[in-house]
PDB file of N, CA and C in Angstrom:
ATOM      1  N   MET A   1    -107.029  49.817 -73.088  1.00  0.00           N
ATOM      2  CA  MET A   1    -106.521  50.745 -73.686  1.00  0.00           C
ATOM      3  C   MET A   1    -105.236  50.305 -74.346  1.00  0.00           C
ATOM      4  N   SER A   2    -105.025  50.342 -75.710  1.00  0.00           N
ATOM      5  CA  SER A   2    -104.013  50.033 -76.442  1.00  0.00           C
ATOM      6  C   SER A   2    -102.612  50.398 -75.972  1.00  0.00           C
ATOM      7  N   ALA A   3    -101.574  49.542 -76.026  1.00  0.00           N
ATOM      8  CA  ALA A   3    -100.248  50.162 -75.618  1.00  0.00           C
ATOM      9  C   ALA A   3     -99.686  51.085 -76.510  1.00  0.00           C
ATOM     10  N   ALA A   4     -98.906  52.080 -76.159  1.00  0.00           N
ATOM     11  CA  ALA A   4     -98.611  53.092 -76.924  1.00  0.00           C
ATOM     12  C   ALA A   4     -97.389  52.765 -77.774  1.00  0.00           C
ATOM     13  N   PRO A   5     -96.976  53.023 -78.677  1.00  0.00           N
ATOM     14  CA  PRO A   5     -95.763  52.563 -79.430  1.00  0.00           C
ATOM     15  C   PRO A   5     -94.627  53.083 -79.011  1.00  0.00           C
ATOM     16  N   THR A   6     -93.479  52.193 -78.969  1.00  0.00           N
ATOM     17  CA  THR A   6     -92.345  52.724 -78.292  1.00  0.00           C
ATOM     18  C   THR A   6     -91.359  53.534 -79.428  1.00  0.00           C
ATOM     19  N   VAL A   7     -90.962  54.765 -78.989  1.00  0.00           N
ATOM     20  CA  VAL A   7     -89.934  55.534 -79.667  1.00  0.00           C
ATOM     21  C   VAL A   7     -88.815  55.841 -79.119  1.00  0.00           C
ATOM     22  N   THR A   8     -87.751  55.443 -79.627  1.00  0.00           N
ATOM     23  CA  THR A   8     -86.297  55.710 -79.154  1.00  0.00           C
ATOM     24  C   THR A   8     -85.632  57.217 -79.559  1.00  0.00           C
ATOM     25  N   VAL A   9     -85.253  58.046 -78.735  1.00  0.00           N
ATOM     26  CA  VAL A   9     -84.715  59.154 -79.323  1.00  0.00           C
ATOM     27  C   VAL A   9     -83.481  59.567 -78.365  1.00  0.00           C
ATOM     28  N   ASP A  10     -82.630  60.170 -79.082  1.00  0.00           N
ATOM     29  CA  ASP A  10     -81.316  60.605 -78.687  1.00  0.00           C
ATOM     30  C   ASP A  10     -81.445  61.981 -78.372  1.00  0.00           C
ATOM     31  N   LEU A  11     -81.112  62.522 -76.868  1.00  0.00           N
ATOM     32  CA  LEU A  11     -81.500  63.847 -76.387  1.00  0.00           C
ATOM     33  C   LEU A  11     -79.931  64.496 -76.101  1.00  0.00           C
ATOM     34  N   SER A  12     -79.689  65.523 -76.045  1.00  0.00           N
ATOM     35  CA  SER A  12     -78.593  66.316 -75.706  1.00  0.00           C
ATOM     36  C   SER A  12     -78.541  65.973 -74.046  1.00  0.00           C
ATOM     37  N   PRO A  13     -77.321  66.024 -73.457  1.00  0.00           N
ATOM     38  CA  PRO A  13     -77.093  65.761 -72.155  1.00  0.00           C
ATOM     39  C   PRO A  13     -78.091  67.034 -71.448  1.00  0.00           C
ATOM     40  N   GLU A  14     -78.171  68.242 -71.806  1.00  0.00           N
ATOM     41  CA  GLU A  14     -78.951  69.097 -71.186  1.00  0.00           C
ATOM     42  C   GLU A  14     -80.473  68.781 -71.293  1.00  0.00           C
ATOM     43  N   ALA A  15     -80.927  68.364 -72.350  1.00  0.00           N
ATOM     44  CA  ALA A  15     -82.494  67.836 -72.316  1.00  0.00           C
ATOM     45  C   ALA A  15     -82.566  66.813 -71.526  1.00  0.00           C
ATOM     46  N   ALA A  16     -81.809  65.598 -71.610  1.00  0.00           N
ATOM     47  CA  ALA A  16     -81.653  64.451 -70.619  1.00  0.00           C
ATOM     48  C   ALA A  16     -81.846  64.878 -69.440  1.00  0.00           C
ATOM     49  N   ARG A  17     -81.025  65.932 -68.757  1.00  0.00           N
ATOM     50  CA  ARG A  17     -81.170  66.144 -67.427  1.00  0.00           C
ATOM     51  C   ARG A  17     -82.291  66.997 -67.063  1.00  0.00           C
ATOM     52  N   ALA A  18     -83.085  67.647 -68.096  1.00  0.00           N
ATOM     53  CA  ALA A  18     -84.215  68.493 -67.843  1.00  0.00           C
ATOM     54  C   ALA A  18     -85.319  67.237 -67.654  1.00  0.00           C
ATOM     55  N   VAL A  19     -85.317  66.412 -68.392  1.00  0.00           N
ATOM     56  CA  VAL A  19     -86.184  65.234 -68.149  1.00  0.00           C
ATOM     57  C   VAL A  19     -86.156  64.546 -66.664  1.00  0.00           C
ATOM     58  N   VAL A  20     -84.959  64.104 -66.480  1.00  0.00           N
ATOM     59  CA  VAL A  20     -84.647  63.635 -65.045  1.00  0.00           C
ATOM     60  C   VAL A  20     -85.195  64.356 -64.123  1.00  0.00           C
ATOM     61  N   ASP A  21     -84.596  65.515 -64.127  1.00  0.00           N
ATOM     62  CA  ASP A  21     -85.211  66.663 -63.211  1.00  0.00           C
ATOM     63  C   ASP A  21     -86.610  66.781 -62.847  1.00  0.00           C
ATOM     64  N   ALA A  22     -87.426  66.980 -64.113  1.00  0.00           N
ATOM     65  CA  ALA A  22     -88.767  66.853 -64.029  1.00  0.00           C
ATOM     66  C   ALA A  22     -89.423  65.696 -63.318  1.00  0.00           C
ATOM     67  N   VAL A  23     -88.895  64.458 -63.577  1.00  0.00           N
ATOM     68  CA  VAL A  23     -89.341  63.386 -62.944  1.00  0.00           C
ATOM     69  C   VAL A  23     -89.095  63.323 -61.267  1.00  0.00           C
ATOM     70  N   GLU A  24     -87.760  63.654 -61.131  1.00  0.00           N
ATOM     71  CA  GLU A  24     -87.082  63.540 -59.909  1.00  0.00           C
ATOM     72  C   GLU A  24     -87.759  64.486 -58.824  1.00  0.00           C
ATOM     73  N   SER A  25     -88.236  65.645 -59.259  1.00  0.00           N
ATOM     74  CA  SER A  25     -88.948  66.861 -58.574  1.00  0.00           C
ATOM     75  C   SER A  25     -90.593  66.307 -58.377  1.00  0.00           C
ATOM     76  N   GLY A  26     -90.850  65.240 -59.009  1.00  0.00           N
ATOM     77  CA  GLY A  26     -92.334  64.803 -58.893  1.00  0.00           C
ATOM     78  C   GLY A  26     -93.250  65.401 -59.829  1.00  0.00           C
ATOM     79  N   GLU A  27     -92.695  66.476 -60.481  1.00  0.00           N
ATOM     80  CA  GLU A  27     -93.714  67.319 -61.327  1.00  0.00           C
ATOM     81  C   GLU A  27     -94.469  66.200 -62.482  1.00  0.00           C
ATOM     82  N   PHE A  28     -93.714  65.388 -62.733  1.00  0.00           N
ATOM     83  CA  PHE A  28     -94.013  64.326 -63.907  1.00  0.00           C
ATOM     84  C   PHE A  28     -93.777  62.692 -63.379  1.00  0.00           C
ATOM     85  N   PRO A  29     -94.845  61.835 -63.730  1.00  0.00           N
ATOM     86  CA  PRO A  29     -94.427  60.458 -62.831  1.00  0.00           C
ATOM     87  C   PRO A  29     -93.503  59.659 -63.623  1.00  0.00           C
ATOM     88  N   ASN A  30     -93.059  60.036 -64.738  1.00  0.00           N
ATOM     89  CA  ASN A  30     -92.059  59.291 -65.680  1.00  0.00           C
ATOM     90  C   ASN A  30     -91.484  60.146 -66.791  1.00  0.00           C
ATOM     91  N   ALA A  31     -90.433  59.676 -67.570  1.00  0.00           N
ATOM     92  CA  ALA A  31     -89.824  60.527 -68.453  1.00  0.00           C
ATOM     93  C   ALA A  31     -91.000  60.417 -69.781  1.00  0.00           C
ATOM     94  N   SER A  32     -91.677  59.262 -69.992  1.00  0.00           N
ATOM     95  CA  SER A  32     -92.889  59.385 -71.084  1.00  0.00           C
ATOM     96  C   SER A  32     -93.838  60.536 -70.974  1.00  0.00           C
ATOM     97  N   ALA A  33     -94.320  60.723 -69.517  1.00  0.00           N
ATOM     98  CA  ALA A  33     -94.900  61.878 -69.295  1.00  0.00           C
ATOM     99  C   ALA A  33     -94.646  63.107 -69.648  1.00  0.00           C
ATOM    100  N   VAL A  34     -93.123  63.320 -69.482  1.00  0.00           N
ATOM    101  CA  VAL A  34     -92.552  64.689 -69.682  1.00  0.00           C
ATOM    102  C   VAL A  34     -92.532  64.636 -71.218  1.00  0.00           C
ATOM    103  N   ILE A  35     -92.096  63.762 -71.955  1.00  0.00           N
ATOM    104  CA  ILE A  35     -92.071  63.858 -73.608  1.00  0.00           C
ATOM    105  C   ILE A  35     -93.506  63.968 -74.006  1.00  0.00           C
ATOM    106  N   GLU A  36     -94.252  63.519 -73.632  1.00  0.00           N
ATOM    107  CA  GLU A  36     -95.799  63.665 -74.012  1.00  0.00           C
ATOM    108  C   GLU A  36     -96.262  65.024 -73.806  1.00  0.00           C
ATOM    109  N   ALA A  37     -95.785  65.582 -72.382  1.00  0.00           N
ATOM    110  CA  ALA A  37     -96.287  67.047 -72.405  1.00  0.00           C
ATOM    111  C   ALA A  37     -95.629  67.979 -73.079  1.00  0.00           C
ATOM    112  N   VAL A  38     -94.332  67.825 -73.884  1.00  0.00           N
ATOM    113  CA  VAL A  38     -93.398  68.648 -74.546  1.00  0.00           C
ATOM    114  C   VAL A  38     -94.105  68.380 -75.945  1.00  0.00           C
ATOM    115  N   VAL A  39     -94.418  67.281 -76.242  1.00  0.00           N
ATOM    116  CA  VAL A  39     -95.172  67.082 -77.729  1.00  0.00           C
ATOM    117  C   VAL A  39     -96.406  67.874 -77.723  1.00  0.00           C
ATOM    118  N   GLN A  40     -97.083  67.723 -76.746  1.00  0.00           N
ATOM    119  CA  GLN A  40     -98.335  68.410 -76.779  1.00  0.00           C
ATOM    120  C   GLN A  40     -98.328  69.774 -76.679  1.00  0.00           C
ATOM    121  N   SER A  41     -97.275  70.466 -75.962  1.00  0.00           N
ATOM    122  CA  SER A  41     -97.072  71.950 -76.068  1.00  0.00           C
ATOM    123  C   SER A  41     -96.664  72.247 -77.514  1.00  0.00           C
ATOM    124  N   TRP A  42     -95.630  71.605 -78.001  1.00  0.00           N
ATOM    125  CA  TRP A  42     -95.237  71.821 -79.474  1.00  0.00           C
ATOM    126  C   TRP A  42     -96.358  71.744 -80.511  1.00  0.00           C
ATOM    127  N   GLN A  43     -97.294  70.737 -80.200  1.00  0.00           N
ATOM    128  CA  GLN A  43     -98.493  70.534 -81.307  1.00  0.00           C
ATOM    129  C   GLN A  43     -99.171  72.011 -80.923  1.00  0.00           C
ATOM    130  N   SER A  44     -99.441  72.515 -79.883  1.00  0.00           N
ATOM    131  CA  SER A  44    -100.230  73.409 -79.571  1.00  0.00           C
ATOM    132  C   SER A  44     -99.755  74.659 -80.170  1.00  0.00           C
ATOM    133  N   GLU A  45     -98.351  74.715 -79.999  1.00  0.00           N
ATOM    134  CA  GLU A  45     -97.862  76.029 -80.516  1.00  0.00           C
ATOM    135  C   GLU A  45     -97.907  76.017 -82.114  1.00  0.00           C
ATOM    136  N   ARG A  46     -98.101  74.820 -82.618  1.00  0.00           N
ATOM    137  CA  ARG A  46     -98.113  74.687 -84.156  1.00  0.00           C
ATOM    138  C   ARG A  46     -99.652  74.912 -84.431  1.00  0.00           C
ATOM    139  N   GLY A  47    -100.462  74.916 -83.842  1.00  0.00           N
ATOM    140  CA  GLY A  47    -101.913  74.747 -84.025  1.00  0.00           C
ATOM    141  C   GLY A  47    -102.503  73.673 -84.392  1.00  0.00           C
ATOM    142  N   GLU A  48    -101.806  72.484 -84.117  1.00  0.00           N
ATOM    143  CA  GLU A  48    -102.198  71.113 -84.337  1.00  0.00           C
ATOM    144  C   GLU A  48    -102.931  70.386 -83.432  1.00  0.00           C
ATOM    145  N   LEU A  49    -103.169  70.874 -82.308  1.00  0.00           N
ATOM    146  CA  LEU A  49    -103.747  70.226 -81.114  1.00  0.00           C
ATOM    147  C   LEU A  49    -105.183  70.126 -81.555  1.00  0.00           C
ATOM    148  N   PHE A  50    -105.661  71.248 -81.683  1.00  0.00           N
ATOM    149  CA  PHE A  50    -107.021  71.496 -82.062  1.00  0.00           C
ATOM    150  C   PHE A  50    -107.241  72.074 -83.300  1.00  0.00           C
ATOM    151  N   ASP A  51    -107.756  71.457 -84.246  1.00  0.00           N
ATOM    152  CA  ASP A  51    -107.682  71.591 -85.717  1.00  0.00           C
ATOM    153  C   ASP A  51    -109.245  72.514 -85.911  1.00  0.00           C
ATOM    154  N   TYR A  52    -109.482  73.824 -85.377  1.00  0.00           N
ATOM    155  CA  TYR A  52    -110.648  74.362 -85.591  1.00  0.00           C
ATOM    156  C   TYR A  52    -110.338  75.511 -86.399  1.00  0.00           C
ATOM    157  N   THR A  53    -111.415  75.649 -87.342  1.00  0.00           N
ATOM    158  CA  THR A  53    -111.499  76.731 -88.329  1.00  0.00           C
ATOM    159  C   THR A  53    -111.797  78.185 -87.575  1.00  0.00           C
ATOM    160  N   PRO A  54    -111.307  79.196 -88.291  1.00  0.00           N
ATOM    161  CA  PRO A  54    -111.361  80.367 -87.564  1.00  0.00           C
ATOM    162  C   PRO A  54    -113.199  80.635 -87.184  1.00  0.00           C
ATOM    163  N   ASP A  55    -113.908  80.367 -87.771  1.00  0.00           N
ATOM    164  CA  ASP A  55    -115.433  80.387 -87.807  1.00  0.00           C
ATOM    165  C   ASP A  55    -115.719  79.506 -86.421  1.00  0.00           C
ATOM    166  N   GLU A  56    -115.335  78.327 -86.153  1.00  0.00           N
ATOM    167  CA  GLU A  56    -115.410  77.469 -85.162  1.00  0.00           C
ATOM    168  C   GLU A  56    -114.851  78.196 -83.847  1.00  0.00           C
ATOM    169  N   LEU A  57    -113.612  78.828 -83.971  1.00  0.00           N
ATOM    170  CA  LEU A  57    -113.154  79.445 -82.815  1.00  0.00           C
ATOM    171  C   LEU A  57    -113.819  80.508 -82.457  1.00  0.00           C
ATOM    172  N   ASP A  58    -114.454  81.419 -83.404  1.00  0.00           N
ATOM    173  CA  ASP A  58    -115.382  82.497 -83.074  1.00  0.00           C
ATOM    174  C   ASP A  58    -116.708  82.048 -82.369  1.00  0.00           C
ATOM    175  N   ARG A  59    -117.038  80.810 -82.819  1.00  0.00           N
ATOM    176  CA  ARG A  59    -118.528  80.448 -82.179  1.00  0.00           C
ATOM    177  C   ARG A  59    -117.951  79.743 -80.645  1.00  0.00           C
ATOM    178  N   LEU A  60    -116.838  79.242 -80.717  1.00  0.00           N
ATOM    179  CA  LEU A  60    -116.253  78.893 -79.358  1.00  0.00           C
ATOM    180  C   LEU A  60    -116.365  80.058 -78.339  1.00  0.00           C
ATOM    181  N   ALA A  61    -115.719  80.897 -78.752  1.00  0.00           N
ATOM    182  CA  ALA A  61    -115.393  82.138 -77.965  1.00  0.00           C
ATOM    183  C   ALA A  61    -116.637  82.819 -77.637  1.00  0.00           C
ATOM    184  N   GLU A  62    -117.523  82.866 -78.507  1.00  0.00           N
ATOM    185  CA  GLU A  62    -119.027  83.296 -78.062  1.00  0.00           C
ATOM    186  C   GLU A  62    -119.823  82.596 -77.219  1.00  0.00           C
ATOM    187  N   GLU A  63    -119.478  81.017 -77.347  1.00  0.00           N
ATOM    188  CA  GLU A  63    -120.172  80.224 -76.327  1.00  0.00           C
ATOM    189  C   GLU A  63    -119.527  80.501 -74.950  1.00  0.00           C
ATOM    190  N   ALA A  64    -118.030  80.602 -74.874  1.00  0.00           N
ATOM    191  CA  ALA A  64    -117.555  80.809 -73.462  1.00  0.00           C
ATOM    192  C   ALA A  64    -117.898  82.205 -72.878  1.00  0.00           C
ATOM    193  N   GLU A  65    -118.154  83.229 -73.825  1.00  0.00           N
ATOM    194  CA  GLU A  65    -118.697  84.440 -73.321  1.00  0.00           C
ATOM    195  C   GLU A  65    -120.065  84.269 -72.582  1.00  0.00           C
ATOM    196  N   ALA A  66    -120.672  83.580 -73.415  1.00  0.00           N
ATOM    197  CA  ALA A  66    -122.320  83.637 -72.992  1.00  0.00           C
ATOM    198  C   ALA A  66    -122.404  82.710 -71.729  1.00  0.00           C
ATOM    199  N   SER A  67    -121.354  81.869 -71.460  1.00  0.00           N
ATOM    200  CA  SER A  67    -121.603  80.956 -70.191  1.00  0.00           C
ATOM    201  C   SER A  67    -121.284  81.546 -68.987  1.00  0.00           C
ATOM    202  N   GLY A  68    -121.078  82.844 -69.049  1.00  0.00           N
ATOM    203  CA  GLY A  68    -120.825  83.522 -67.511  1.00  0.00           C
ATOM    204  C   GLY A  68    -119.682  83.793 -67.297  1.00  0.00           C
ATOM    205  N   PRO A  69    -119.228  84.546 -66.196  1.00  0.00           N
ATOM    206  CA  PRO A  69    -117.826  84.712 -65.603  1.00  0.00           C
ATOM    207  C   PRO A  69    -116.844  83.277 -65.398  1.00  0.00           C
ATOM    208  N   GLY A  70    -115.782  83.567 -65.306  1.00  0.00           N
ATOM    209  CA  GLY A  70    -114.885  82.521 -64.914  1.00  0.00           C
ATOM    210  C   GLY A  70    -114.985  82.163 -63.785  1.00  0.00           C
ATOM    211  N   ARG A  71    -114.097  81.134 -63.268  1.00  0.00           N
ATOM    212  CA  ARG A  71    -113.902  80.838 -61.962  1.00  0.00           C
ATOM    213  C   ARG A  71    -112.320  80.718 -61.694  1.00  0.00           C
ATOM    214  N   THR A  72    -111.876  80.901 -60.721  1.00  0.00           N
ATOM    215  CA  THR A  72    -110.629  80.458 -60.269  1.00  0.00           C
ATOM    216  C   THR A  72    -110.363  79.128 -60.064  1.00  0.00           C
ATOM    217  N   VAL A  73    -109.111  78.867 -60.582  1.00  0.00           N
ATOM    218  CA  VAL A  73    -108.815  77.492 -60.263  1.00  0.00           C
ATOM    219  C   VAL A  73    -107.522  77.428 -59.699  1.00  0.00           C
ATOM    220  N   ASP A  74    -107.392  76.613 -58.659  1.00  0.00           N
ATOM    221  CA  ASP A  74    -106.062  76.371 -57.998  1.00  0.00           C
ATOM    222  C   ASP A  74    -105.352  75.373 -59.038  1.00  0.00           C
ATOM    223  N   PHE A  75    -104.370  75.869 -59.650  1.00  0.00           N
ATOM    224  CA  PHE A  75    -103.493  74.858 -60.613  1.00  0.00           C
ATOM    225  C   PHE A  75    -102.660  73.802 -59.920  1.00  0.00           C
ATOM    226  N   GLU A  76    -102.220  74.159 -58.626  1.00  0.00           N
ATOM    227  CA  GLU A  76    -101.473  73.251 -57.922  1.00  0.00           C
ATOM    228  C   GLU A  76    -102.358  72.143 -57.596  1.00  0.00           C
ATOM    229  N   ARG A  77    -103.517  72.466 -57.158  1.00  0.00           N
ATOM    230  CA  ARG A  77    -104.253  71.270 -56.707  1.00  0.00           C
ATOM    231  C   ARG A  77    -104.773  70.504 -57.868  1.00  0.00           C
ATOM    232  N   LEU A  78    -105.331  71.230 -58.915  1.00  0.00           N
ATOM    233  CA  LEU A  78    -105.666  70.346 -60.352  1.00  0.00           C
ATOM    234  C   LEU A  78    -104.530  69.539 -60.788  1.00  0.00           C
ATOM    235  N   ALA A  79    -103.383  70.055 -60.696  1.00  0.00           N
ATOM    236  CA  ALA A  79    -102.212  69.275 -61.043  1.00  0.00           C
ATOM    237  C   ALA A  79    -101.976  67.922 -60.165  1.00  0.00           C
ATOM    238  N   ARG A  80    -102.065  68.307 -58.869  1.00  0.00           N
ATOM    239  CA  ARG A  80    -101.977  67.260 -57.879  1.00  0.00           C
ATOM    240  C   ARG A  80    -103.070  66.072 -58.131  1.00  0.00           C
ATOM    241  N   GLU A  81    -104.124  66.560 -58.332  1.00  0.00           N
ATOM    242  CA  GLU A  81    -105.142  65.604 -58.206  1.00  0.00           C
ATOM    243  C   GLU A  81    -104.947  64.860 -59.737  1.00  0.00           C
ATOM    244  N   ALA A  82    -104.723  65.476 -60.788  1.00  0.00           N
ATOM    245  CA  ALA A  82    -104.510  64.990 -62.113  1.00  0.00           C
ATOM    246  C   ALA A  82    -103.413  63.774 -61.967  1.00  0.00           C
ATOM    247  N   ARG A  83    -102.225  64.222 -61.256  1.00  0.00           N
ATOM    248  CA  ARG A  83    -101.093  63.266 -60.949  1.00  0.00           C
ATOM    249  C   ARG A  83    -101.672  62.121 -60.258  1.00  0.00           C
ATOM    250  N   GLN A  84    -102.369  62.134 -59.299  1.00  0.00           N
ATOM    251  CA  GLN A  84    -102.724  60.959 -58.381  1.00  0.00           C
ATOM    252  C   GLN A  84    -103.915  60.294 -59.337  1.00  0.00           C
ATOM    253  N   GLY A  85    -104.654  60.844 -59.871  1.00  0.00           N
ATOM    254  CA  GLY A  85    -105.321  59.936 -60.860  1.00  0.00           C
ATOM    255  C   GLY A  85    -104.831  59.149 -62.050  1.00  0.00           C
ATOM    256  N   PHE A  86    -103.694  59.958 -62.594  1.00  0.00           N
ATOM    257  CA  PHE A  86    -102.808  59.038 -63.419  1.00  0.00           C
ATOM    258  C   PHE A  86    -102.004  57.908 -62.826  1.00  0.00           C
ATOM    259  N   GLU A  87    -101.444  58.209 -61.409  1.00  0.00           N
ATOM    260  CA  GLU A  87    -100.705  57.209 -60.869  1.00  0.00           C
ATOM    261  C   GLU A  87    -101.680  56.018 -60.415  1.00  0.00           C
ATOM    262  N   ALA A  88    -102.907  56.233 -60.079  1.00  0.00           N
ATOM    263  CA  ALA A  88    -104.098  55.399 -59.598  1.00  0.00           C
ATOM    264  C   ALA A  88    -104.288  54.438 -60.730  1.00  0.00           C
ATOM    265  N   GLU A  89    -104.423  55.122 -62.088  1.00  0.00           N
ATOM    266  CA  GLU A  89    -104.723  54.456 -63.242  1.00  0.00           C
ATOM    267  C   GLU A  89    -103.556  53.352 -63.615  1.00  0.00           C
ATOM    268  N   THR A  90    -102.459  54.023 -63.589  1.00  0.00           N
ATOM    269  CA  THR A  90    -101.104  53.091 -64.128  1.00  0.00           C
ATOM    270  C   THR A  90    -100.891  52.202 -63.190  1.00  0.00           C
ATOM    271  N   SER A  91    -101.452  52.180 -61.930  1.00  0.00           N
ATOM    272  CA  SER A  91    -100.859  51.205 -60.787  1.00  0.00           C
ATOM    273  C   SER A  91    -101.890  49.985 -61.207  1.00  0.00           C
ATOM    274  N   LYS A  92    -103.144  50.320 -61.718  1.00  0.00           N
ATOM    275  CA  LYS A  92    -104.079  49.166 -62.003  1.00  0.00           C
ATOM    276  C   LYS A  92    -103.466  48.200 -63.015  1.00  0.00           C
ATOM    277  N   ALA A  93    -102.682  48.768 -63.769  1.00  0.00           N
ATOM    278  CA  ALA A  93    -102.329  47.896 -65.044  1.00  0.00           C
ATOM    279  C   ALA A  93    -101.286  47.062 -64.743  1.00  0.00           C
TER     280      ALA A  93
END
């Protein structure tokens, strides 16, 4: 895996505190993960994360409906397992 480029940003005191709080609470393993999540959310809101055409979205929705009923997911467990996997991968480096 190639190293990610380093980007330096200036945050308002409030934004910096929010990043620190997110890491200290254990919600994220580090500040980079917080910023990555924010960027992904921003891209998603702008429609850039998935560059699908309306026809592709229609086809995907039809596939989802045809696949049967959904299932309940324990988000807290899923997030915890993802965090543990991430930490295991980063500790190998």
